[in-house]
Amino acid sequence: MLIAADKFKGSLTAVQVAERVMAGLRRVVPGVEVEALPVADGGDGTVDAAVAAGFERREVRVAGPLGDELTAAFALRGDTAVVEMAEASGLQRLPAGVFAPLTSSTYGSGELLRAALDAGARTIVFGVGGSATTDGGAGMLSALGARFVDAEGEPVAPGGAALSDVATADLSGLDPRLSSVDFVLASDVDNPLTGPKGAPAVYGPQKGASPDDVEILDAALGHFAAVLEKSIGSRATEYAAARGAGAAGGIGYGALVLGARFRPGIDVMLDVLGFAPALERATLVITGEGSLDEQTLHGKAPAGVAAAARAAGKEVVAVCGRLALRPEALGRAGIRRAYPLTEVEPDIARCISDAGPILETVSQNIARDFLT
């Protein structure tokens, strides 16, 4: 049996989910063989999933989204690094109750990438999601050697709003090592940079952006891409419309400018984590995340796990905090049955606060249904 579940956001990490499911299964069938492979789709928790799969955790001091120094981590195994932008520039890095949609920066994410290069990485998987930022990756590019100046020749201020002041973009100082690495942009988001489906319009409100802020950010990112076109040519416009450009407040765009290739985050992570050989050994796969809903079907970890398992002819069930998909939708995704915490405890608040013990109880039901 293989447990390949994502985190229950706000309650349990992916590692803790696996531990609780395993404990519940073994309460019913003590000798059951269980392999745990916590997964992530490129968003927050990606480094933890890599470390659980045998990568080494490396810590470095970088700038947070508001410029204050913090400790962030990336994962390294051999010459492959897994870098998670949320470690440096994520919403969880802001003080409680504080949002800064116009001024937060991805500079620290660039510092993380530079640290991975310093550690000898030749392949970098850049997981993006959960960002506090909407700066098109300008901060990240600056940390890697780019210069963005205003009409007076002064460096522009951090954050997305200030990109409207960019007069010149100079990428000649970018770290030369970037040209010789395999740089993979891993995301579950395929939005373009700007427009009705762009980063500011779709994700800005989640970061505290008002309707006026969204307009400011959308115009600023559009201007940023136009200025970059003067520096790198028509590629700048092509990248702005490409899949993944709008990921994590447009840091996907910055990564594409650096030469990254976009891949769905869960597909990348399953490869990196060694999912295929683990799947071969499994008879039943248990996946899951905090909420199984329509978003799950569009590139989230459980959908990716289920698709790979179905292709291998393996049966899949899912655990979740909340279930918002009908059985036929689950079936189309390759999931035979879902086991929500709310089936055991109807009180949502308790499902969140006591997720671990309730998940153990739910997992006992899976054992009774499939192992006895």
Protein backbone atom coordinates (compact mmCIF):
# COMPACT_ATOMS: atom_id res chain seq x y z
CA MET A 1 0.00 0.00 0.00
CA LEU A 2 1.22 3.49 -0.89
CA ILE A 3 0.22 6.71 0.87
CA ALA A 4 0.83 9.62 -1.52
CA ALA A 5 -1.15 12.53 -0.12
CA ASP A 6 -0.62 16.28 -0.02
CA LYS A 7 -0.97 18.46 3.08
CA PHE A 8 -4.26 19.37 4.76
CA LYS A 9 -3.59 23.09 4.59
CA GLY A 10 -3.84 24.75 7.99
CA SER A 11 -4.03 21.42 9.82
CA LEU A 12 -1.49 18.78 8.82
CA THR A 13 1.65 18.66 6.69
CA ALA A 14 1.87 15.97 4.02
CA VAL A 15 4.27 14.05 6.28
CA GLN A 16 1.79 14.21 9.17
CA VAL A 17 -1.06 13.09 6.90
CA ALA A 18 0.96 10.01 5.93
CA GLU A 19 1.81 9.27 9.57
CA ARG A 20 -1.82 9.50 10.68
CA VAL A 21 -3.13 7.39 7.80
CA MET A 22 -0.50 4.75 8.49
CA ALA A 23 -1.40 4.68 12.18
CA GLY A 24 -5.09 4.25 11.40
CA LEU A 25 -4.48 1.42 8.93
CA ARG A 26 -2.29 -0.45 11.42
CA ARG A 27 -4.89 -0.19 14.17
CA VAL A 28 -7.04 -2.50 12.05
CA VAL A 29 -4.36 -4.53 10.24
CA PRO A 30 -1.20 -4.35 12.40
CA GLY A 31 1.07 -6.11 9.92
CA VAL A 32 0.07 -4.25 6.78
CA GLU A 33 2.97 -3.15 4.57
CA VAL A 34 2.71 0.58 4.00
CA GLU A 35 5.01 2.92 2.10
CA ALA A 36 4.67 6.68 2.59
CA LEU A 37 5.57 9.17 -0.11
CA PRO A 38 4.28 12.64 0.86
CA VAL A 39 3.64 14.69 -2.26
CA ALA A 40 3.23 18.34 -3.25
CA ASP A 41 2.27 20.15 -6.45
CA GLY A 42 4.90 22.89 -6.33
CA GLY A 43 3.22 25.12 -3.75
CA ASP A 44 3.98 25.42 -0.06
CA GLY A 45 5.14 22.10 1.37
CA THR A 46 7.18 21.17 -1.70
CA VAL A 47 10.55 21.31 0.08
CA ASP A 48 9.19 19.25 2.97
CA ALA A 49 7.96 16.61 0.54
CA ALA A 50 11.38 16.47 -1.12
CA VAL A 51 13.14 16.13 2.24
CA ALA A 52 10.77 13.31 3.22
CA ALA A 53 11.79 11.56 -0.02
CA GLY A 54 15.48 11.70 0.89
CA PHE A 55 16.66 15.14 -0.20
CA GLU A 56 18.91 17.14 2.13
CA ARG A 57 17.41 20.27 3.67
CA ARG A 58 19.59 23.35 3.18
CA GLU A 59 18.84 26.61 5.00
CA VAL A 60 19.87 30.12 3.99
CA ARG A 61 19.12 33.67 5.12
CA VAL A 62 17.13 35.59 2.52
CA ALA A 63 14.85 38.60 2.23
CA GLY A 64 11.20 38.03 3.05
CA PRO A 65 8.38 39.55 0.98
CA LEU A 66 8.67 42.85 2.91
CA GLY A 67 12.46 42.90 2.85
CA ASP A 68 13.09 41.67 6.40
CA GLU A 69 15.64 38.86 6.69
CA LEU A 70 14.41 35.33 7.40
CA THR A 71 15.58 31.73 7.22
CA ALA A 72 14.31 29.78 4.21
CA ALA A 73 15.09 26.30 2.96
CA PHE A 74 15.60 24.44 -0.27
CA ALA A 75 16.20 20.74 -0.85
CA LEU A 76 19.20 19.15 -2.53
CA ARG A 77 20.05 15.64 -3.68
CA GLY A 78 23.12 15.23 -5.85
CA ASP A 79 22.98 18.04 -8.37
CA THR A 80 19.18 18.41 -8.25
CA ALA A 81 17.64 21.17 -6.14
CA VAL A 82 14.02 21.72 -5.24
CA VAL A 83 13.36 25.40 -4.55
CA GLU A 84 10.01 26.56 -3.19
CA MET A 85 9.25 30.24 -3.71
CA ALA A 86 6.80 30.27 -0.79
CA GLU A 87 9.72 29.55 1.55
CA ALA A 88 10.97 33.08 0.89
CA SER A 89 8.04 34.98 -0.62
CA GLY A 90 4.92 33.17 0.56
CA LEU A 91 1.85 34.55 2.30
CA GLN A 92 2.86 32.68 5.45
CA ARG A 93 5.99 34.87 5.56
CA LEU A 94 3.89 37.99 6.20
CA PRO A 95 2.98 39.03 9.75
CA ALA A 96 -0.43 37.75 10.83
CA GLY A 97 -3.21 39.83 9.32
CA VAL A 98 -0.83 41.83 7.12
CA PHE A 99 -1.09 41.97 3.32
CA ALA A 100 1.11 43.96 0.96
CA PRO A 101 -0.17 43.32 -2.56
CA LEU A 102 1.48 46.41 -4.08
CA THR A 103 4.88 46.31 -2.39
CA SER A 104 5.79 42.70 -1.56
CA SER A 105 8.78 41.36 -3.47
CA THR A 106 10.18 38.05 -4.72
CA TYR A 107 13.78 39.14 -4.10
CA GLY A 108 14.25 36.37 -1.51
CA SER A 109 13.15 33.75 -4.01
CA GLY A 110 15.97 34.87 -6.28
CA GLU A 111 18.36 34.55 -3.37
CA LEU A 112 17.15 30.98 -2.82
CA LEU A 113 17.80 30.17 -6.47
CA ARG A 114 21.28 31.65 -6.18
CA ALA A 115 21.94 29.53 -3.09
CA ALA A 116 20.93 26.42 -5.05
CA LEU A 117 23.39 27.39 -7.79
CA ASP A 118 26.08 27.93 -5.16
CA ALA A 119 25.36 24.42 -3.84
CA GLY A 120 26.18 22.97 -7.26
CA ALA A 121 22.68 22.39 -8.61
CA ARG A 122 22.54 21.54 -12.32
CA THR A 123 18.80 20.86 -12.29
CA ILE A 124 16.51 23.22 -10.42
CA VAL A 125 12.85 22.41 -9.85
CA PHE A 126 11.25 25.74 -8.97
CA GLY A 127 7.95 25.16 -7.22
CA VAL A 128 5.73 28.24 -7.22
CA GLY A 129 2.48 28.90 -5.39
CA GLY A 130 1.16 30.44 -2.19
CA SER A 131 2.88 33.75 -2.90
CA ALA A 132 2.42 37.04 -1.10
CA THR A 133 3.67 38.83 -4.20
CA THR A 134 2.50 40.17 -7.56
CA ASP A 135 5.73 41.56 -8.95
CA GLY A 136 6.11 39.46 -12.10
CA GLY A 137 9.30 37.97 -10.70
CA ALA A 138 11.08 41.33 -10.90
CA GLY A 139 12.47 40.95 -7.39
CA MET A 140 13.73 37.48 -8.18
CA LEU A 141 15.40 38.72 -11.37
CA SER A 142 17.03 41.57 -9.43
CA ALA A 143 18.51 39.16 -6.89
CA LEU A 144 20.00 37.21 -9.79
CA GLY A 145 21.68 40.25 -11.33
CA ALA A 146 19.08 42.10 -13.43
CA ARG A 147 18.67 45.87 -13.07
CA PHE A 148 15.40 47.77 -13.41
CA VAL A 149 15.70 51.56 -13.32
CA ASP A 150 13.33 54.50 -13.74
CA ALA A 151 13.62 57.46 -16.10
CA GLU A 152 16.13 59.08 -13.74
CA GLY A 153 18.35 56.00 -13.76
CA GLU A 154 17.42 55.06 -10.20
CA PRO A 155 16.51 51.49 -9.16
CA VAL A 156 12.74 51.07 -8.95
CA ALA A 157 11.19 50.27 -5.58
CA PRO A 158 10.25 46.68 -4.67
CA GLY A 159 6.82 45.30 -5.48
CA GLY A 160 4.41 45.08 -8.37
CA ALA A 161 3.04 48.61 -8.28
CA ALA A 162 6.49 50.15 -8.77
CA LEU A 163 6.93 48.29 -12.06
CA SER A 164 4.96 51.09 -13.71
CA ASP A 165 8.08 53.23 -13.13
CA VAL A 166 10.48 50.92 -14.97
CA ALA A 167 12.07 52.73 -17.92
CA THR A 168 14.96 50.36 -18.66
CA ALA A 169 15.52 46.66 -18.03
CA ASP A 170 19.12 45.45 -18.12
CA LEU A 171 19.49 41.66 -17.97
CA SER A 172 23.16 41.59 -18.97
CA GLY A 173 24.22 41.03 -15.36
CA LEU A 174 22.16 37.88 -14.80
CA ASP A 175 24.04 35.03 -13.13
CA PRO A 176 25.73 33.21 -16.06
CA ARG A 177 25.23 29.83 -14.37
CA LEU A 178 21.51 30.06 -15.19
CA SER A 179 22.24 29.36 -18.84
CA SER A 180 23.71 25.94 -18.07
CA VAL A 181 21.10 24.51 -15.69
CA ASP A 182 17.90 22.61 -16.44
CA PHE A 183 15.42 25.05 -14.91
CA VAL A 184 11.90 23.66 -14.46
CA LEU A 185 8.95 25.87 -13.51
CA ALA A 186 6.62 23.62 -11.51
CA SER A 187 3.13 24.98 -10.95
CA ASP A 188 -0.51 23.93 -10.89
CA VAL A 189 -1.46 27.29 -12.43
CA ASP A 190 -1.46 27.95 -16.17
CA ASN A 191 -2.75 31.55 -16.17
CA PRO A 192 -1.13 34.23 -18.34
CA LEU A 193 0.57 37.24 -16.77
CA THR A 194 -2.14 39.87 -17.28
CA GLY A 195 -5.74 40.33 -18.38
CA PRO A 196 -9.01 38.87 -17.05
CA LYS A 197 -7.33 35.53 -16.32
CA GLY A 198 -3.99 37.04 -15.33
CA ALA A 199 -2.19 37.01 -12.01
CA PRO A 200 -3.60 40.26 -10.55
CA ALA A 201 -7.24 39.65 -11.54
CA VAL A 202 -7.45 36.01 -10.48
CA TYR A 203 -5.10 35.81 -7.51
CA GLY A 204 -4.59 39.41 -6.38
CA PRO A 205 -7.66 39.46 -4.11
CA GLN A 206 -6.30 36.44 -2.20
CA LYS A 207 -3.28 38.61 -1.36
CA GLY A 208 -5.32 41.55 -0.13
CA ALA A 209 -5.57 43.46 -3.42
CA SER A 210 -8.60 45.73 -3.77
CA PRO A 211 -10.24 46.22 -7.19
CA ASP A 212 -8.17 49.41 -7.59
CA ASP A 213 -5.02 47.51 -6.61
CA VAL A 214 -5.78 44.85 -9.23
CA GLU A 215 -5.99 47.54 -11.93
CA ILE A 216 -2.72 49.10 -10.79
CA LEU A 217 -0.93 45.74 -10.73
CA ASP A 218 -2.30 44.59 -14.08
CA ALA A 219 -1.19 47.80 -15.78
CA ALA A 220 2.21 47.69 -14.07
CA LEU A 221 2.87 44.10 -15.14
CA GLY A 222 1.81 44.90 -18.69
CA HIS A 223 4.21 47.84 -18.71
CA PHE A 224 6.98 45.65 -17.26
CA ALA A 225 6.58 43.13 -20.09
CA ALA A 226 6.62 45.95 -22.66
CA VAL A 227 9.89 47.30 -21.25
CA LEU A 228 11.41 43.83 -21.20
CA GLU A 229 10.51 43.49 -24.88
CA LYS A 230 12.96 46.31 -25.61
CA SER A 231 15.64 44.28 -23.86
CA ILE A 232 15.00 40.69 -24.99
CA GLY A 233 12.71 41.13 -27.99
CA SER A 234 9.37 39.54 -28.80
CA ARG A 235 10.01 36.68 -26.39
CA ALA A 236 8.97 39.00 -23.58
CA THR A 237 5.45 39.28 -25.00
CA GLU A 238 5.29 35.58 -25.82
CA TYR A 239 6.27 34.65 -22.28
CA ALA A 240 3.57 36.95 -20.84
CA ALA A 241 0.90 34.96 -22.68
CA ALA A 242 2.47 31.55 -22.00
CA ARG A 243 1.16 28.88 -19.65
CA GLY A 244 2.35 29.46 -16.12
CA ALA A 245 3.37 33.10 -16.61
CA GLY A 246 0.77 34.22 -14.07
CA ALA A 247 1.75 31.64 -11.46
CA ALA A 248 2.49 32.97 -7.97
CA GLY A 249 1.90 36.61 -8.78
CA GLY A 250 3.72 36.43 -12.08
CA ILE A 251 6.95 34.91 -10.79
CA GLY A 252 6.28 32.29 -13.45
CA TYR A 253 6.86 35.04 -16.01
CA GLY A 254 10.21 35.89 -14.47
CA ALA A 255 11.19 32.23 -14.50
CA LEU A 256 10.28 31.91 -18.19
CA VAL A 257 12.42 34.98 -18.92
CA LEU A 258 15.29 33.11 -17.23
CA GLY A 259 14.78 30.18 -19.59
CA ALA A 260 12.67 27.89 -17.43
CA ARG A 261 10.38 25.33 -19.03
CA PHE A 262 6.90 24.99 -17.61
CA ARG A 263 5.57 21.65 -16.39
CA PRO A 264 2.53 20.87 -14.21
CA GLY A 265 3.83 20.87 -10.66
CA ILE A 266 2.52 17.49 -9.60
CA ASP A 267 4.00 15.79 -12.69
CA VAL A 268 7.41 17.25 -11.92
CA MET A 269 7.24 16.36 -8.25
CA LEU A 270 6.13 12.78 -8.85
CA ASP A 271 9.21 12.34 -11.07
CA VAL A 272 11.53 13.99 -8.55
CA LEU A 273 10.13 12.07 -5.58
CA GLY A 274 10.42 8.65 -7.23
CA PHE A 275 6.70 7.95 -7.45
CA ALA A 276 6.85 5.46 -10.35
CA PRO A 277 8.88 2.75 -8.57
CA ALA A 278 6.84 3.21 -5.40
CA LEU A 279 3.66 2.82 -7.44
CA GLU A 280 4.93 -0.44 -8.94
CA ARG A 281 5.23 -1.89 -5.44
CA ALA A 282 1.73 -0.80 -4.37
CA THR A 283 -1.56 -2.67 -4.48
CA LEU A 284 -3.67 0.27 -3.28
CA VAL A 285 -2.87 4.00 -3.36
CA ILE A 286 -4.20 6.48 -0.80
CA THR A 287 -3.98 10.12 -1.87
CA GLY A 288 -5.70 13.27 -0.66
CA GLU A 289 -5.58 16.90 0.45
CA GLY A 290 -7.51 19.23 2.72
CA SER A 291 -10.36 19.90 0.31
CA LEU A 292 -11.32 17.71 -2.62
CA ASP A 293 -13.16 20.10 -4.93
CA GLU A 294 -13.22 21.38 -8.49
CA GLN A 295 -9.74 22.86 -8.07
CA THR A 296 -8.43 19.39 -7.27
CA LEU A 297 -9.30 18.27 -10.79
CA HIS A 298 -7.14 21.00 -12.36
CA GLY A 299 -3.59 19.96 -11.61
CA LYS A 300 -3.66 19.47 -7.86
CA ALA A 301 -1.67 16.65 -6.27
CA PRO A 302 -4.47 14.08 -5.76
CA ALA A 303 -5.54 14.33 -9.39
CA GLY A 304 -1.97 13.80 -10.57
CA VAL A 305 -1.45 10.84 -8.25
CA ALA A 306 -4.76 9.29 -9.32
CA ALA A 307 -4.03 9.74 -13.03
CA ALA A 308 -0.64 8.06 -12.71
CA ALA A 309 -2.06 5.24 -10.60
CA ARG A 310 -4.95 4.64 -12.99
CA ALA A 311 -2.51 4.45 -15.91
CA ALA A 312 -0.65 1.75 -13.97
CA GLY A 313 -3.87 -0.15 -13.22
CA LYS A 314 -3.77 0.59 -9.47
CA GLU A 315 -6.82 1.35 -7.36
CA VAL A 316 -6.98 4.76 -5.62
CA VAL A 317 -8.92 6.09 -2.66
CA ALA A 318 -8.60 9.54 -1.13
CA VAL A 319 -8.72 11.16 2.28
CA CYS A 320 -9.70 14.78 2.74
CA GLY A 321 -10.98 17.27 5.25
CA ARG A 322 -13.91 18.32 3.10
CA LEU A 323 -15.45 16.63 0.06
CA ALA A 324 -17.12 18.81 -2.58
CA LEU A 325 -17.04 16.40 -5.54
CA ARG A 326 -19.76 14.00 -6.58
CA PRO A 327 -18.89 10.30 -6.93
CA GLU A 328 -18.98 10.47 -10.73
CA ALA A 329 -16.43 13.33 -10.73
CA LEU A 330 -14.19 11.32 -8.43
CA GLY A 331 -14.53 8.34 -10.73
CA ARG A 332 -13.54 10.36 -13.78
CA ALA A 333 -10.45 11.48 -11.87
CA GLY A 334 -9.54 7.86 -11.12
CA ILE A 335 -10.51 7.92 -7.45
CA ARG A 336 -12.77 5.05 -6.43
CA ARG A 337 -13.92 6.56 -3.15
CA ALA A 338 -13.15 9.54 -0.90
CA TYR A 339 -13.14 9.51 2.89
CA PRO A 340 -13.71 13.02 4.31
CA LEU A 341 -13.12 13.88 7.94
CA THR A 342 -16.62 15.37 8.00
CA GLU A 343 -17.99 11.84 7.58
CA VAL A 344 -16.73 11.14 11.11
CA GLU A 345 -16.95 14.65 12.62
CA PRO A 346 -19.55 17.00 11.07
CA ASP A 347 -18.15 20.03 12.93
CA ILE A 348 -15.75 21.74 10.48
CA ALA A 349 -13.93 23.61 13.25
CA ARG A 350 -13.16 20.35 15.03
CA CYS A 351 -12.05 18.73 11.76
CA ILE A 352 -9.49 21.51 11.45
CA SER A 353 -8.33 21.58 15.08
CA ASP A 354 -8.35 17.79 15.62
CA ALA A 355 -7.51 16.69 12.09
CA GLY A 356 -4.89 14.15 13.15
CA PRO A 357 -6.98 11.89 15.41
CA ILE A 358 -10.00 12.15 13.11
CA LEU A 359 -7.86 11.17 10.13
CA GLU A 360 -6.69 8.09 12.03
CA THR A 361 -10.32 7.09 12.56
CA VAL A 362 -11.13 7.67 8.88
CA SER A 363 -8.14 5.53 7.90
CA GLN A 364 -9.44 2.68 10.02
CA ASN A 365 -12.53 2.72 7.81
CA ILE A 366 -10.31 2.42 4.73
CA ALA A 367 -8.59 -0.58 6.28
CA ARG A 368 -11.91 -2.26 7.01
CA ASP A 369 -13.19 -1.58 3.50
CA PHE A 370 -10.08 -2.61 1.54
CA LEU A 371 -7.77 -4.67 3.76
CA THR A 372 -10.04 -7.07 5.64
